[in-house]
């Protein structure tokens, strides 16, 4: 739980860090992270988590594309990613921090 209750704008940006990954991948959380990293710890935490997860999933997709069986299982990873993005979005809307499972912490 964050130390201070986030403002409405902070909550909106935290939600966008997760939702915008569906059309943009890692770009939206990266941009939000770079803009807000010194202004809001709540937004920064969500952007960092989302960015780390998207980078981890990008690596997983590349690895899966290198195998025949992996190509057939890409849709499973897509559903997994979508479910976790929805969970993270709900947590952000509840002013809670969320840690994606199976995420490599590239940015700490």
C-alpha atoms as a PDB file:
ATOM      1  CA  UNK A   1       0.000   0.000   0.000  1.00  0.00           C
ATOM      2  CA  UNK A   2       1.391   3.430  -0.874  1.00  0.00           C
ATOM      3  CA  UNK A   3       2.253   5.795   1.974  1.00  0.00           C
ATOM      4  CA  UNK A   4      -0.027   8.579   0.710  1.00  0.00           C
ATOM      5  CA  UNK A   5      -3.359   8.134  -1.023  1.00  0.00           C
ATOM      6  CA  UNK A   6      -2.779   8.745  -4.739  1.00  0.00           C
ATOM      7  CA  UNK A   7      -4.657  11.538  -6.452  1.00  0.00           C
ATOM      8  CA  UNK A   8      -7.223  10.845  -9.148  1.00  0.00           C
ATOM      9  CA  UNK A   9      -4.692  11.779 -11.837  1.00  0.00           C
ATOM     10  CA  UNK A  10      -2.089   9.441 -10.352  1.00  0.00           C
ATOM     11  CA  UNK A  11      -4.589   6.599 -10.239  1.00  0.00           C
ATOM     12  CA  UNK A  12      -5.557   7.266 -13.869  1.00  0.00           C
ATOM     13  CA  UNK A  13      -1.928   7.208 -14.994  1.00  0.00           C
ATOM     14  CA  UNK A  14      -1.314   3.998 -13.029  1.00  0.00           C
ATOM     15  CA  UNK A  15      -4.297   2.393 -14.768  1.00  0.00           C
ATOM     16  CA  UNK A  16      -3.041   3.603 -18.147  1.00  0.00           C
ATOM     17  CA  UNK A  17       0.369   2.045 -17.457  1.00  0.00           C
ATOM     18  CA  UNK A  18      -1.327  -1.339 -17.638  1.00  0.00           C
ATOM     19  CA  UNK A  19      -4.212  -0.851 -20.085  1.00  0.00           C
ATOM     20  CA  UNK A  20      -2.155   0.861 -22.772  1.00  0.00           C
ATOM     21  CA  UNK A  21       0.179  -2.133 -22.972  1.00  0.00           C
ATOM     22  CA  UNK A  22      -2.509  -3.965 -24.934  1.00  0.00           C
ATOM     23  CA  UNK A  23      -2.101  -1.732 -28.032  1.00  0.00           C
ATOM     24  CA  UNK A  24       1.437  -0.395 -27.423  1.00  0.00           C
ATOM     25  CA  UNK A  25       3.386  -3.101 -25.615  1.00  0.00           C
ATOM     26  CA  UNK A  26       6.175  -1.689 -23.462  1.00  0.00           C
ATOM     27  CA  UNK A  27       6.107   1.827 -24.986  1.00  0.00           C
ATOM     28  CA  UNK A  28       3.290   3.316 -22.876  1.00  0.00           C
ATOM     29  CA  UNK A  29       4.699   2.306 -19.473  1.00  0.00           C
ATOM     30  CA  UNK A  30       8.169   3.391 -20.604  1.00  0.00           C
ATOM     31  CA  UNK A  31       6.956   6.864 -21.566  1.00  0.00           C
ATOM     32  CA  UNK A  32       4.895   7.244 -18.378  1.00  0.00           C
ATOM     33  CA  UNK A  33       7.835   6.012 -16.296  1.00  0.00           C
ATOM     34  CA  UNK A  34      10.233   8.501 -17.866  1.00  0.00           C
ATOM     35  CA  UNK A  35       7.812  11.411 -17.434  1.00  0.00           C
ATOM     36  CA  UNK A  36       6.638  10.652 -13.883  1.00  0.00           C
ATOM     37  CA  UNK A  37       9.607   8.897 -12.236  1.00  0.00           C
ATOM     38  CA  UNK A  38      10.505  11.944 -10.132  1.00  0.00           C
ATOM     39  CA  UNK A  39       6.952  13.142  -9.472  1.00  0.00           C
ATOM     40  CA  UNK A  40       4.835  10.252  -8.216  1.00  0.00           C
ATOM     41  CA  UNK A  41       6.025   7.124  -6.443  1.00  0.00           C
ATOM     42  CA  UNK A  42       2.639   5.454  -7.048  1.00  0.00           C
ATOM     43  CA  UNK A  43       2.713   6.009 -10.818  1.00  0.00           C
ATOM     44  CA  UNK A  44       6.407   5.139 -10.965  1.00  0.00           C
ATOM     45  CA  UNK A  45       5.837   1.824  -9.176  1.00  0.00           C
ATOM     46  CA  UNK A  46       3.029   0.823 -11.554  1.00  0.00           C
ATOM     47  CA  UNK A  47       4.936   1.956 -14.643  1.00  0.00           C
ATOM     48  CA  UNK A  48       8.039   0.044 -13.502  1.00  0.00           C
ATOM     49  CA  UNK A  49       6.067  -3.147 -12.856  1.00  0.00           C
ATOM     50  CA  UNK A  50       4.228  -2.912 -16.150  1.00  0.00           C
ATOM     51  CA  UNK A  51       7.415  -2.168 -18.077  1.00  0.00           C
ATOM     52  CA  UNK A  52       9.310  -5.061 -16.475  1.00  0.00           C
ATOM     53  CA  UNK A  53       6.443  -7.448 -17.218  1.00  0.00           C
ATOM     54  CA  UNK A  54       6.124  -6.348 -20.841  1.00  0.00           C
ATOM     55  CA  UNK A  55       9.868  -6.718 -21.413  1.00  0.00           C
ATOM     56  CA  UNK A  56       9.788 -10.185 -19.828  1.00  0.00           C
ATOM     57  CA  UNK A  57       6.870 -11.228 -22.030  1.00  0.00           C
ATOM     58  CA  UNK A  58       8.597  -9.847 -25.133  1.00  0.00           C
ATOM     59  CA  UNK A  59      11.590 -12.085 -24.386  1.00  0.00           C
ATOM     60  CA  UNK A  60       9.261 -15.053 -23.771  1.00  0.00           C
ATOM     61  CA  UNK A  61       7.519 -14.479 -27.120  1.00  0.00           C
ATOM     62  CA  UNK A  62      10.843 -14.320 -28.958  1.00  0.00           C
ATOM     63  CA  UNK A  63      11.959 -17.568 -27.312  1.00  0.00           C
ATOM     64  CA  UNK A  64       8.646 -19.257 -28.155  1.00  0.00           C
ATOM     65  CA  UNK A  65       8.902 -18.186 -31.790  1.00  0.00           C
ATOM     66  CA  UNK A  66      12.209 -20.050 -32.017  1.00  0.00           C
ATOM     67  CA  UNK A  67      10.478 -23.404 -31.497  1.00  0.00           C
ATOM     68  CA  UNK A  68       7.722 -25.152 -33.434  1.00  0.00           C
ATOM     69  CA  UNK A  69       5.789 -26.039 -30.267  1.00  0.00           C
ATOM     70  CA  UNK A  70       6.275 -22.479 -28.992  1.00  0.00           C
ATOM     71  CA  UNK A  71       4.590 -21.044 -32.075  1.00  0.00           C
ATOM     72  CA  UNK A  72       1.560 -23.194 -31.289  1.00  0.00           C
ATOM     73  CA  UNK A  73       1.537 -22.018 -27.644  1.00  0.00           C
ATOM     74  CA  UNK A  74       1.820 -18.275 -28.268  1.00  0.00           C
ATOM     75  CA  UNK A  75      -1.935 -17.866 -27.771  1.00  0.00           C
ATOM     76  CA  UNK A  76      -1.651 -19.313 -24.233  1.00  0.00           C
ATOM     77  CA  UNK A  77       0.939 -16.673 -23.362  1.00  0.00           C
ATOM     78  CA  UNK A  78      -1.320 -13.993 -24.873  1.00  0.00           C
ATOM     79  CA  UNK A  79      -4.251 -15.020 -22.680  1.00  0.00           C
ATOM     80  CA  UNK A  80      -1.948 -15.173 -19.635  1.00  0.00           C
ATOM     81  CA  UNK A  81      -0.691 -11.660 -20.369  1.00  0.00           C
ATOM     82  CA  UNK A  82      -4.212 -10.286 -20.854  1.00  0.00           C
ATOM     83  CA  UNK A  83      -5.461 -11.764 -17.575  1.00  0.00           C
ATOM     84  CA  UNK A  84      -2.532 -10.348 -15.611  1.00  0.00           C
ATOM     85  CA  UNK A  85      -2.921  -6.915 -17.226  1.00  0.00           C
ATOM     86  CA  UNK A  86      -6.587  -6.908 -16.184  1.00  0.00           C
ATOM     87  CA  UNK A  87      -5.674  -7.901 -12.611  1.00  0.00           C
ATOM     88  CA  UNK A  88      -3.007  -5.174 -12.440  1.00  0.00           C
ATOM     89  CA  UNK A  89      -5.467  -2.606 -13.811  1.00  0.00           C
ATOM     90  CA  UNK A  90      -8.048  -3.499 -11.157  1.00  0.00           C
ATOM     91  CA  UNK A  91      -5.406  -3.235  -8.418  1.00  0.00           C
ATOM     92  CA  UNK A  92      -4.321   0.184  -9.717  1.00  0.00           C
ATOM     93  CA  UNK A  93      -7.938   1.358  -9.690  1.00  0.00           C
ATOM     94  CA  UNK A  94      -8.134   0.256  -6.030  1.00  0.00           C
ATOM     95  CA  UNK A  95      -5.012   2.343  -5.193  1.00  0.00           C
ATOM     96  CA  UNK A  96      -3.004  -0.828  -4.558  1.00  0.00           C
ATOM     97  CA  UNK A  97       0.410  -1.794  -5.860  1.00  0.00           C
ATOM     98  CA  UNK A  98       0.654  -4.987  -7.911  1.00  0.00           C
ATOM     99  CA  UNK A  99       3.657  -7.185  -8.604  1.00  0.00           C
ATOM    100  CA  UNK A 100       3.397  -9.264 -11.767  1.00  0.00           C
ATOM    101  CA  UNK A 101       4.416 -12.891 -11.228  1.00  0.00           C
ATOM    102  CA  UNK A 102       7.205 -14.345 -13.406  1.00  0.00           C
ATOM    103  CA  UNK A 103       8.521 -10.865 -14.181  1.00  0.00           C
ATOM    104  CA  UNK A 104      12.235 -10.169 -14.481  1.00  0.00           C
ATOM    105  CA  UNK A 105      13.119  -6.966 -12.634  1.00  0.00           C
ATOM    106  CA  UNK A 106      15.021  -5.088 -15.345  1.00  0.00           C
ATOM    107  CA  UNK A 107      14.208  -1.708 -13.788  1.00  0.00           C
ATOM    108  CA  UNK A 108      14.384  -1.509 -10.015  1.00  0.00           C
END
